[in-house]
C-alpha atoms as a PDB file:
ATOM      1  CA  MET A   1     -98.421  -6.000  13.692  1.00  0.00           C
ATOM      2  CA  ASN A   2    -101.678  -7.960  14.102  1.00  0.00           C
ATOM      3  CA  PHE A   3    -102.315  -8.911  18.289  1.00  0.00           C
ATOM      4  CA  GLY A   4    -104.592 -12.175  16.886  1.00  0.00           C
ATOM      5  CA  LYS A   5    -101.220 -13.265  14.422  1.00  0.00           C
ATOM      6  CA  ILE A   6     -98.015 -12.718  17.211  1.00  0.00           C
ATOM      7  CA  ALA A   7    -100.231 -14.107  20.161  1.00  0.00           C
ATOM      8  CA  SER A   8    -101.940 -16.945  21.467  1.00  0.00           C
ATOM      9  CA  PRO A   9    -105.415 -17.544  21.074  1.00  0.00           C
ATOM     10  CA  ILE A  10    -105.861 -17.779  25.183  1.00  0.00           C
ATOM     11  CA  ALA A  11    -103.775 -14.245  24.847  1.00  0.00           C
ATOM     12  CA  SER A  12    -105.909 -12.452  22.267  1.00  0.00           C
ATOM     13  CA  ARG A  13    -109.020 -13.608  24.060  1.00  0.00           C
ATOM     14  CA  LEU A  14    -108.026 -12.149  27.148  1.00  0.00           C
ATOM     15  CA  LEU A  15    -107.447  -8.953  26.010  1.00  0.00           C
ATOM     16  CA  VAL A  16    -110.714  -8.784  24.452  1.00  0.00           C
ATOM     17  CA  ILE A  17    -112.316  -9.612  27.604  1.00  0.00           C
ATOM     18  CA  ALA A  18    -110.283  -7.009  29.635  1.00  0.00           C
ATOM     19  CA  GLY A  19    -111.239  -4.440  27.099  1.00  0.00           C
ATOM     20  CA  PHE A  20    -114.492  -5.090  27.010  1.00  0.00           C
ATOM     21  CA  VAL A  21    -115.012  -5.124  31.087  1.00  0.00           C
ATOM     22  CA  PHE A  22    -112.305  -1.469  31.153  1.00  0.00           C
ATOM     23  CA  PHE A  23    -114.957  -0.154  28.713  1.00  0.00           C
ATOM     24  CA  SER A  24    -117.424  -1.613  30.484  1.00  0.00           C
ATOM     25  CA  ILE A  25    -116.522  -0.363  34.280  1.00  0.00           C
ATOM     26  CA  ALA A  26    -116.289   3.388  32.310  1.00  0.00           C
ATOM     27  CA  PHE A  27    -119.509   3.356  30.838  1.00  0.00           C
ATOM     28  CA  VAL A  28    -121.094   2.443  34.377  1.00  0.00           C
ATOM     29  CA  CYS A  29    -119.124   5.630  36.550  1.00  0.00           C
ATOM     30  CA  ALA A  30    -119.246   7.717  33.928  1.00  0.00           C
ATOM     31  CA  PHE A  31    -123.149   7.456  33.690  1.00  0.00           C
ATOM     32  CA  VAL A  32    -123.054   7.010  37.943  1.00  0.00           C
ATOM     33  CA  HIS A  33    -121.296  10.382  37.620  1.00  0.00           C
ATOM     34  CA  SER A  34    -123.712  12.030  35.292  1.00  0.00           C
ATOM     35  CA  LEU A  35    -126.273  11.376  38.045  1.00  0.00           C
ATOM     36  CA  THR A  36    -124.339  14.027  39.730  1.00  0.00           C
ATOM     37  CA  VAL A  37    -124.647  16.613  37.186  1.00  0.00           C
ATOM     38  CA  PHE A  38    -128.298  16.146  35.622  1.00  0.00           C
ATOM     39  CA  ASP A  39    -131.431  17.449  37.050  1.00  0.00           C
ATOM     40  CA  SER A  40    -133.060  13.785  36.907  1.00  0.00           C
ATOM     41  CA  PHE A  41    -132.232  10.209  35.481  1.00  0.00           C
ATOM     42  CA  SER A  42    -134.394  10.900  32.994  1.00  0.00           C
ATOM     43  CA  SER A  43    -132.087  13.675  31.549  1.00  0.00           C
ATOM     44  CA  ALA A  44    -128.828  11.610  32.529  1.00  0.00           C
ATOM     45  CA  SER A  45    -130.360   8.970  29.684  1.00  0.00           C
ATOM     46  CA  GLY A  46    -131.077  10.503  27.488  1.00  0.00           C
ATOM     47  CA  ALA A  47    -127.619  12.008  27.285  1.00  0.00           C
ATOM     48  CA  PHE A  48    -125.887   8.656  27.116  1.00  0.00           C
ATOM     49  CA  LEU A  49    -128.277   7.453  24.648  1.00  0.00           C
ATOM     50  CA  ALA A  50    -126.943  10.549  22.526  1.00  0.00           C
ATOM     51  CA  ALA A  51    -123.665   9.249  23.460  1.00  0.00           C
ATOM     52  CA  VAL A  52    -124.371   6.052  22.038  1.00  0.00           C
ATOM     53  CA  ILE A  53    -125.809   7.425  18.348  1.00  0.00           C
ATOM     54  CA  ALA A  54    -122.219   9.518  18.464  1.00  0.00           C
ATOM     55  CA  LEU A  55    -120.477   6.567  18.434  1.00  0.00           C
ATOM     56  CA  LEU A  56    -122.657   5.111  16.082  1.00  0.00           C
ATOM     57  CA  ALA A  57    -121.831   7.348  13.907  1.00  0.00           C
ATOM     58  CA  VAL A  58    -118.188   7.317  14.239  1.00  0.00           C
ATOM     59  CA  SER A  59    -118.443   4.673  13.736  1.00  0.00           C
ATOM     60  CA  ALA A  60    -120.333   4.859  10.536  1.00  0.00           C
ATOM     61  CA  LEU A  61    -118.046   7.332   9.401  1.00  0.00           C
ATOM     62  CA  ALA A  62    -114.903   4.763  10.450  1.00  0.00           C
ATOM     63  CA  MET A  63    -115.878   2.439   8.185  1.00  0.00           C
ATOM     64  CA  ASN A  64    -116.603   4.438   5.078  1.00  0.00           C
ATOM     65  CA  ARG A  65    -113.907   3.212   2.932  1.00  0.00           C
ATOM     66  CA  ARG A  66    -114.307   5.921  -0.069  1.00  0.00           C
ATOM     67  CA  VAL A  67    -112.016   7.847   1.927  1.00  0.00           C
ATOM     68  CA  GLY A  68    -108.877   7.192   1.214  1.00  0.00           C
ATOM     69  CA  LYS A  69    -106.030   6.292   3.828  1.00  0.00           C
ATOM     70  CA  LYS A  70    -104.238   9.196   2.993  1.00  0.00           C
ATOM     71  CA  ALA A  71    -107.423  11.711   2.451  1.00  0.00           C
ATOM     72  CA  PHE A  72    -108.650  10.428   6.302  1.00  0.00           C
ATOM     73  CA  ILE A  73    -104.983  11.015   7.940  1.00  0.00           C
ATOM     74  CA  ILE A  74    -105.427  14.635   6.291  1.00  0.00           C
ATOM     75  CA  ILE A  75    -109.190  14.996   7.414  1.00  0.00           C
ATOM     76  CA  VAL A  76    -109.837  13.959  10.818  1.00  0.00           C
ATOM     77  CA  PRO A  77    -106.187  15.527  12.049  1.00  0.00           C
ATOM     78  CA  GLY A  78    -107.294  18.582  10.104  1.00  0.00           C
ATOM     79  CA  VAL A  79    -110.658  19.124  11.783  1.00  0.00           C
ATOM     80  CA  ALA A  80    -108.920  18.447  14.898  1.00  0.00           C
ATOM     81  CA  LEU A  81    -106.387  21.168  14.695  1.00  0.00           C
ATOM     82  CA  ALA A  82    -109.441  24.006  13.456  1.00  0.00           C
ATOM     83  CA  LEU A  83    -111.516  22.795  16.389  1.00  0.00           C
ATOM     84  CA  ARG A  84    -108.513  22.909  19.084  1.00  0.00           C
ATOM     85  CA  LEU A  85    -106.917  26.289  17.643  1.00  0.00           C
ATOM     86  CA  ILE A  86    -110.759  28.153  17.423  1.00  0.00           C
ATOM     87  CA  TRP A  87    -110.945  27.313  20.691  1.00  0.00           C
ATOM     88  CA  ALA A  88    -108.139  27.953  22.152  1.00  0.00           C
ATOM     89  CA  LEU A  89    -107.929  31.313  20.019  1.00  0.00           C
ATOM     90  CA  LEU A  90    -111.748  32.377  21.570  1.00  0.00           C
ATOM     91  CA  VAL A  91    -112.307  31.688  24.357  1.00  0.00           C
ATOM     92  CA  ASP A  92    -110.296  32.731  27.059  1.00  0.00           C
ATOM     93  CA  THR A  93    -109.155  30.721  29.704  1.00  0.00           C
ATOM     94  CA  PRO A  94    -106.492  32.675  32.264  1.00  0.00           C
ATOM     95  CA  PRO A  95    -104.601  30.542  34.636  1.00  0.00           C
ATOM     96  CA  SER A  96    -105.663  29.850  37.818  1.00  0.00           C
ATOM     97  CA  SER A  97    -104.566  27.269  41.162  1.00  0.00           C
ATOM     98  CA  ASP A  98    -101.564  25.140  39.562  1.00  0.00           C
ATOM     99  CA  PHE A  99    -101.371  26.405  36.731  1.00  0.00           C
ATOM    100  CA  LEU A 100    -101.042  29.790  37.247  1.00  0.00           C
ATOM    101  CA  PHE A 101     -98.217  29.002  40.000  1.00  0.00           C
ATOM    102  CA  MET A 102     -96.445  26.790  37.554  1.00  0.00           C
ATOM    103  CA  HIS A 103     -96.608  29.357  34.697  1.00  0.00           C
ATOM    104  CA  ASN A 104     -95.001  32.147  37.100  1.00  0.00           C
ATOM    105  CA  ALA A 105     -92.494  30.281  37.994  1.00  0.00           C
ATOM    106  CA  ALA A 106     -92.010  29.749  34.510  1.00  0.00           C
ATOM    107  CA  LEU A 107     -91.604  33.523  33.364  1.00  0.00           C
ATOM    108  CA  ALA A 108     -89.369  34.007  36.231  1.00  0.00           C
ATOM    109  CA  ALA A 109     -86.923  30.861  34.882  1.00  0.00           C
ATOM    110  CA  ALA A 110     -87.530  32.410  31.431  1.00  0.00           C
ATOM    111  CA  LYS A 111     -85.451  34.947  32.894  1.00  0.00           C
ATOM    112  CA  GLY A 112     -82.582  33.074  34.641  1.00  0.00           C
ATOM    113  CA  ASP A 113     -84.598  32.945  38.540  1.00  0.00           C
ATOM    114  CA  PHE A 114     -84.516  30.480  40.252  1.00  0.00           C
ATOM    115  CA  SER A 115     -85.965  30.738  43.381  1.00  0.00           C
ATOM    116  CA  PHE A 116     -89.329  29.659  43.078  1.00  0.00           C
ATOM    117  CA  ALA A 117     -87.266  25.598  43.850  1.00  0.00           C
ATOM    118  CA  SER A 118     -86.947  26.440  46.984  1.00  0.00           C
ATOM    119  CA  SER A 119     -90.840  27.370  47.785  1.00  0.00           C
ATOM    120  CA  ASP A 120     -93.354  24.737  49.682  1.00  0.00           C
ATOM    121  CA  TYR A 121     -95.075  24.042  46.787  1.00  0.00           C
ATOM    122  CA  TYR A 122     -91.935  22.952  44.282  1.00  0.00           C
ATOM    123  CA  THR A 123     -90.273  20.877  47.827  1.00  0.00           C
ATOM    124  CA  SER A 124     -94.022  18.784  48.065  1.00  0.00           C
ATOM    125  CA  TRP A 125     -94.150  18.506  44.107  1.00  0.00           C
ATOM    126  CA  ALA A 126     -90.769  18.196  42.977  1.00  0.00           C
ATOM    127  CA  TYR A 127     -91.924  16.548  40.270  1.00  0.00           C
ATOM    128  CA  GLN A 128     -93.795  19.852  38.370  1.00  0.00           C
ATOM    129  CA  LEU A 129     -90.478  20.934  37.900  1.00  0.00           C
ATOM    130  CA  GLY A 130     -90.182  18.811  35.018  1.00  0.00           C
ATOM    131  CA  PHE A 131     -93.450  21.161  32.741  1.00  0.00           C
ATOM    132  CA  THR A 132     -92.524  24.030  34.311  1.00  0.00           C
ATOM    133  CA  MET A 133     -89.236  24.295  32.796  1.00  0.00           C
ATOM    134  CA  TYR A 134     -91.185  23.206  29.610  1.00  0.00           C
ATOM    135  CA  GLU A 135     -93.443  26.474  29.923  1.00  0.00           C
ATOM    136  CA  ALA A 136     -89.786  28.106  30.549  1.00  0.00           C
ATOM    137  CA  LEU A 137     -88.354  27.321  27.465  1.00  0.00           C
ATOM    138  CA  ILE A 138     -90.915  28.059  25.078  1.00  0.00           C
ATOM    139  CA  VAL A 139     -91.253  31.503  26.886  1.00  0.00           C
ATOM    140  CA  LYS A 140     -87.744  32.207  25.631  1.00  0.00           C
ATOM    141  CA  LEU A 141     -88.400  30.525  22.419  1.00  0.00           C
ATOM    142  CA  PHE A 142     -91.543  33.016  21.750  1.00  0.00           C
ATOM    143  CA  GLY A 143     -91.639  35.882  24.076  1.00  0.00           C
ATOM    144  CA  THR A 144     -94.700  35.579  27.343  1.00  0.00           C
ATOM    145  CA  PRO A 145     -97.999  35.913  25.391  1.00  0.00           C
ATOM    146  CA  ILE A 146     -99.428  32.965  26.853  1.00  0.00           C
ATOM    147  CA  ILE A 147    -101.490  32.334  23.173  1.00  0.00           C
ATOM    148  CA  PHE A 148     -98.635  30.675  22.425  1.00  0.00           C
ATOM    149  CA  LEU A 149     -98.214  28.166  25.035  1.00  0.00           C
ATOM    150  CA  LYS A 150    -102.053  26.940  24.105  1.00  0.00           C
ATOM    151  CA  VAL A 151    -101.457  26.433  20.559  1.00  0.00           C
ATOM    152  CA  ILE A 152     -98.468  24.276  21.297  1.00  0.00           C
ATOM    153  CA  ASN A 153    -100.678  22.523  23.025  1.00  0.00           C
ATOM    154  CA  VAL A 154    -102.862  22.380  20.380  1.00  0.00           C
ATOM    155  CA  LEU A 155    -100.109  21.000  18.126  1.00  0.00           C
ATOM    156  CA  TRP A 156     -99.386  18.498  20.727  1.00  0.00           C
ATOM    157  CA  SER A 157    -102.882  17.221  20.938  1.00  0.00           C
ATOM    158  CA  THR A 158    -103.430  16.617  17.683  1.00  0.00           C
ATOM    159  CA  GLY A 159    -100.116  15.299  17.095  1.00  0.00           C
ATOM    160  CA  THR A 160    -101.363  12.919  18.916  1.00  0.00           C
ATOM    161  CA  VAL A 161    -104.435  11.777  16.898  1.00  0.00           C
ATOM    162  CA  ALA A 162    -102.583  10.953  14.471  1.00  0.00           C
ATOM    163  CA  LEU A 163    -100.135   8.536  16.520  1.00  0.00           C
ATOM    164  CA  VAL A 164    -103.755   7.381  17.813  1.00  0.00           C
ATOM    165  CA  TYR A 165    -104.667   5.962  14.682  1.00  0.00           C
ATOM    166  CA  TRP A 166    -101.305   5.086  13.402  1.00  0.00           C
ATOM    167  CA  THR A 167    -101.282   3.262  16.384  1.00  0.00           C
ATOM    168  CA  ALA A 168    -104.531   1.454  16.801  1.00  0.00           C
ATOM    169  CA  GLY A 169    -104.416   0.674  13.052  1.00  0.00           C
ATOM    170  CA  LYS A 170    -101.392  -0.998  13.569  1.00  0.00           C
ATOM    171  CA  ALA A 171    -101.929  -2.968  16.579  1.00  0.00           C
ATOM    172  CA  PHE A 172    -105.570  -4.001  15.129  1.00  0.00           C
ATOM    173  CA  ASN A 173    -107.318  -2.965  11.909  1.00  0.00           C
ATOM    174  CA  GLU A 174    -107.532   0.480   9.431  1.00  0.00           C
ATOM    175  CA  PHE A 175    -111.530   0.338  11.295  1.00  0.00           C
ATOM    176  CA  CYS A 176    -110.134   0.477  15.249  1.00  0.00           C
ATOM    177  CA  GLY A 177    -107.511   2.492  13.891  1.00  0.00           C
ATOM    178  CA  ARG A 178    -110.179   5.199  12.063  1.00  0.00           C
ATOM    179  CA  ALA A 179    -112.586   4.781  15.187  1.00  0.00           C
ATOM    180  CA  ALA A 180    -109.968   5.247  17.446  1.00  0.00           C
ATOM    181  CA  ALA A 181    -108.734   8.694  16.046  1.00  0.00           C
ATOM    182  CA  ILE A 182    -112.486  10.462  15.321  1.00  0.00           C
ATOM    183  CA  ALA A 183    -112.848   8.969  19.001  1.00  0.00           C
ATOM    184  CA  TYR A 184    -110.200  11.234  20.114  1.00  0.00           C
ATOM    185  CA  ALA A 185    -110.631  14.275  17.612  1.00  0.00           C
ATOM    186  CA  PHE A 186    -114.163  15.023  18.853  1.00  0.00           C
ATOM    187  CA  TYR A 187    -113.702  14.474  22.550  1.00  0.00           C
ATOM    188  CA  ILE A 188    -114.736  17.472  24.055  1.00  0.00           C
ATOM    189  CA  PRO A 189    -112.390  17.417  27.495  1.00  0.00           C
ATOM    190  CA  ASN A 190    -108.811  17.245  24.435  1.00  0.00           C
ATOM    191  CA  ILE A 191    -110.360  19.947  23.129  1.00  0.00           C
ATOM    192  CA  VAL A 192    -111.306  21.985  25.560  1.00  0.00           C
ATOM    193  CA  MET A 193    -108.401  21.772  27.404  1.00  0.00           C
ATOM    194  CA  CYS A 194    -106.107  22.645  24.868  1.00  0.00           C
ATOM    195  CA  SER A 195    -106.809  26.667  26.687  1.00  0.00           C
ATOM    196  CA  VAL A 196    -105.725  25.343  29.890  1.00  0.00           C
ATOM    197  CA  LEU A 197    -101.932  24.837  31.253  1.00  0.00           C
ATOM    198  CA  THR A 198    -101.952  21.463  32.108  1.00  0.00           C
ATOM    199  CA  ASN A 199     -98.799  18.945  31.890  1.00  0.00           C
ATOM    200  CA  GLN A 200    -101.895  16.225  29.728  1.00  0.00           C
ATOM    201  CA  HIS A 201    -101.205  17.262  26.324  1.00  0.00           C
ATOM    202  CA  VAL A 202     -97.365  17.176  26.276  1.00  0.00           C
ATOM    203  CA  SER A 203     -96.895  14.142  28.449  1.00  0.00           C
ATOM    204  CA  MET A 204     -99.513  12.131  26.109  1.00  0.00           C
ATOM    205  CA  PHE A 205     -97.711  12.528  22.876  1.00  0.00           C
ATOM    206  CA  PHE A 206     -94.680  11.378  24.072  1.00  0.00           C
ATOM    207  CA  PHE A 207     -96.783   8.306  25.812  1.00  0.00           C
ATOM    208  CA  MET A 208     -98.817   7.350  22.814  1.00  0.00           C
ATOM    209  CA  LEU A 209     -95.140   8.410  20.682  1.00  0.00           C
ATOM    210  CA  GLY A 210     -93.971   5.337  22.847  1.00  0.00           C
ATOM    211  CA  CYS A 211     -96.648   3.288  21.998  1.00  0.00           C
ATOM    212  CA  ALA A 212     -96.818   3.550  18.629  1.00  0.00           C
ATOM    213  CA  LEU A 213     -93.221   3.006  18.059  1.00  0.00           C
ATOM    214  CA  LEU A 214     -93.832  -0.405  20.307  1.00  0.00           C
ATOM    215  CA  VAL A 215     -96.417  -1.315  18.261  1.00  0.00           C
ATOM    216  CA  HIS A 216     -95.393  -0.728  14.847  1.00  0.00           C
ATOM    217  CA  ARG A 217     -90.961  -0.774  15.171  1.00  0.00           C
ATOM    218  CA  GLY A 218     -91.416  -4.002  17.691  1.00  0.00           C
ATOM    219  CA  LEU A 219     -88.529  -4.692  19.848  1.00  0.00           C
ATOM    220  CA  THR A 220     -86.524  -5.564  16.171  1.00  0.00           C
ATOM    221  CA  GLY A 221     -85.170  -2.413  14.994  1.00  0.00           C
ATOM    222  CA  LYS A 222     -81.944  -1.218  15.801  1.00  0.00           C
ATOM    223  CA  TYR A 223     -82.555   1.870  17.894  1.00  0.00           C
ATOM    224  CA  SER A 224     -86.086   1.295  18.718  1.00  0.00           C
ATOM    225  CA  TRP A 225     -85.404   0.533  21.973  1.00  0.00           C
ATOM    226  CA  LEU A 226     -83.673   3.574  22.991  1.00  0.00           C
ATOM    227  CA  LEU A 227     -86.451   5.762  21.098  1.00  0.00           C
ATOM    228  CA  ILE A 228     -89.042   4.061  23.262  1.00  0.00           C
ATOM    229  CA  GLY A 229     -88.045   4.438  26.192  1.00  0.00           C
ATOM    230  CA  LEU A 230     -86.502   8.264  25.687  1.00  0.00           C
ATOM    231  CA  SER A 231     -90.878   8.581  24.388  1.00  0.00           C
ATOM    232  CA  PHE A 232     -91.716   7.712  27.785  1.00  0.00           C
ATOM    233  CA  ALA A 233     -88.979   9.182  30.232  1.00  0.00           C
ATOM    234  CA  ILE A 234     -89.640  12.473  28.969  1.00  0.00           C
ATOM    235  CA  GLY A 235     -93.893  11.743  28.965  1.00  0.00           C
ATOM    236  CA  HIS A 236     -93.123  11.557  32.555  1.00  0.00           C
ATOM    237  CA  ILE A 237     -91.024  13.930  33.332  1.00  0.00           C
ATOM    238  CA  MET A 238     -93.978  15.962  32.229  1.00  0.00           C
ATOM    239  CA  ARG A 239     -95.916  13.740  34.006  1.00  0.00           C
ATOM    240  CA  PRO A 240     -94.812  11.702  36.410  1.00  0.00           C
ATOM    241  CA  ILE A 241     -97.237   8.570  35.622  1.00  0.00           C
ATOM    242  CA  GLY A 242     -94.581   6.208  33.086  1.00  0.00           C
ATOM    243  CA  GLY A 243     -95.026   3.774  35.401  1.00  0.00           C
ATOM    244  CA  VAL A 244     -97.942   2.152  34.656  1.00  0.00           C
ATOM    245  CA  TYR A 245     -96.773   2.614  30.153  1.00  0.00           C
ATOM    246  CA  ILE A 246     -93.540   0.716  31.848  1.00  0.00           C
ATOM    247  CA  ALA A 247     -95.995  -1.551  33.201  1.00  0.00           C
ATOM    248  CA  ALA A 248     -98.103  -2.127  29.983  1.00  0.00           C
ATOM    249  CA  LEU A 249     -94.590  -2.537  28.029  1.00  0.00           C
ATOM    250  CA  LEU A 250     -93.762  -5.611  30.370  1.00  0.00           C
ATOM    251  CA  VAL A 251     -97.300  -7.144  29.657  1.00  0.00           C
ATOM    252  CA  PHE A 252     -96.797  -6.011  26.155  1.00  0.00           C
ATOM    253  CA  VAL A 253     -93.029  -8.009  25.511  1.00  0.00           C
ATOM    254  CA  THR A 254     -94.212 -10.688  28.188  1.00  0.00           C
ATOM    255  CA  VAL A 255     -97.444 -12.320  26.365  1.00  0.00           C
ATOM    256  CA  PHE A 256     -97.572 -10.985  23.012  1.00  0.00           C
ATOM    257  CA  ARG A 257     -93.842 -11.276  21.794  1.00  0.00           C
ATOM    258  CA  ALA A 258     -92.115 -14.080  24.363  1.00  0.00           C
ATOM    259  CA  PHE A 259     -94.487 -15.998  24.237  1.00  0.00           C
ATOM    260  CA  PRO A 260     -94.156 -19.174  24.262  1.00  0.00           C
ATOM    261  CA  TRP A 261     -91.240 -18.801  26.048  1.00  0.00           C
ATOM    262  CA  SER A 262     -87.715 -19.883  24.183  1.00  0.00           C
ATOM    263  CA  LEU A 263     -84.267 -18.305  25.837  1.00  0.00           C
ATOM    264  CA  LYS A 264     -83.266 -18.660  22.236  1.00  0.00           C
ATOM    265  CA  ARG A 265     -85.818 -16.233  20.986  1.00  0.00           C
ATOM    266  CA  SER A 266     -86.804 -14.701  23.680  1.00  0.00           C
ATOM    267  CA  GLY A 267     -83.360 -13.643  25.310  1.00  0.00           C
ATOM    268  CA  PRO A 268     -83.347 -10.508  22.907  1.00  0.00           C
ATOM    269  CA  LEU A 269     -86.714  -9.214  23.294  1.00  0.00           C
ATOM    270  CA  LEU A 270     -86.185  -9.357  27.154  1.00  0.00           C
ATOM    271  CA  ALA A 271     -82.423  -7.531  27.195  1.00  0.00           C
ATOM    272  CA  LYS A 272     -84.054  -4.546  24.428  1.00  0.00           C
ATOM    273  CA  THR A 273     -86.601  -4.454  27.100  1.00  0.00           C
ATOM    274  CA  ALA A 274     -84.640  -4.260  30.114  1.00  0.00           C
ATOM    275  CA  GLY A 275     -82.553  -1.102  27.760  1.00  0.00           C
ATOM    276  CA  ILE A 276     -85.859   0.678  27.562  1.00  0.00           C
ATOM    277  CA  VAL A 277     -86.188   0.483  30.848  1.00  0.00           C
ATOM    278  CA  VAL A 278     -82.839   1.561  31.796  1.00  0.00           C
ATOM    279  CA  VAL A 279     -82.838   4.617  29.642  1.00  0.00           C
ATOM    280  CA  PHE A 280     -86.482   5.028  30.913  1.00  0.00           C
ATOM    281  CA  TYR A 281     -84.421   5.562  34.378  1.00  0.00           C
ATOM    282  CA  LEU A 282     -81.297   7.122  33.309  1.00  0.00           C
ATOM    283  CA  LEU A 283     -82.740   9.717  31.419  1.00  0.00           C
ATOM    284  CA  GLN A 284     -85.175  11.195  34.546  1.00  0.00           C
ATOM    285  CA  ALA A 285     -81.631  11.186  36.987  1.00  0.00           C
ATOM    286  CA  THR A 286     -80.441  13.114  34.204  1.00  0.00           C
ATOM    287  CA  VAL A 287     -82.602  15.697  34.201  1.00  0.00           C
ATOM    288  CA  SER A 288     -82.417  15.318  38.091  1.00  0.00           C
ATOM    289  CA  GLN A 289     -79.286  15.798  38.323  1.00  0.00           C
ATOM    290  CA  SER A 290     -79.193  19.073  36.220  1.00  0.00           C
ATOM    291  CA  PHE A 291     -81.825  20.888  38.088  1.00  0.00           C
ATOM    292  CA  ILE A 292     -80.026  20.234  40.629  1.00  0.00           C
ATOM    293  CA  GLN A 293     -77.008  21.679  39.443  1.00  0.00           C
ATOM    294  CA  ARG A 294     -78.370  24.937  38.833  1.00  0.00           C
ATOM    295  CA  GLY A 295     -79.519  25.295  41.956  1.00  0.00           C
END
């Protein structure tokens, strides 16, 4: 699925312009923020120059056609896995703040003690229950050593690298897929956060899985709409930013699939889109009720 083939020329140009504006704003904001970290403007400029050189190196590697698709999908996620695993095993990052509170709650939940749910923390931030119960499940299955949670973080993050490659390559082309995968694989925050018990690893995997299914199978598959809705819903249960992806879904369907409008052609698309939204909210309501029933 190439966006240029399924959307009008105007929509394709708007997408390119929006992407350029977003990247420019992010770049400028990052540079301004770096001025508070480095000692001088020259130091910050040198760091950004190094980042640009690294970006060019990534582009060169992505353009190397001597590395086939099968080799690429083994090498890049493999290196990403090794880097994240080494960091998680060698760097001791004990839970603190919210992460410590949720981990202690997960340890209690694994023993059947749900009294933590009535604490001020969870009555104020009820959405943290989803990730807490996920941690409780891992503890129940593998035991209390925190390294198991960190290693599973590594697996979620590595899986996301493969999904980024799969999605960008299908949406645009092989070069874009490789460049995106390499950038995500070696993005330092993604590596160092694998040793932190944060919800972003699980949620990002499922959000990207929903995007990958949407780009690859679209809404033509018999059950693709159901799988997309489930993926977005699980990601949202872990980290409540699913509304952003639902909004992006609506824009995608409106601009790239249903345009130009035709009731005969657009009707089934809109029905399946509505199905995704229904599944998204229905799963959340089901999980919420199950938590309530368990106290």
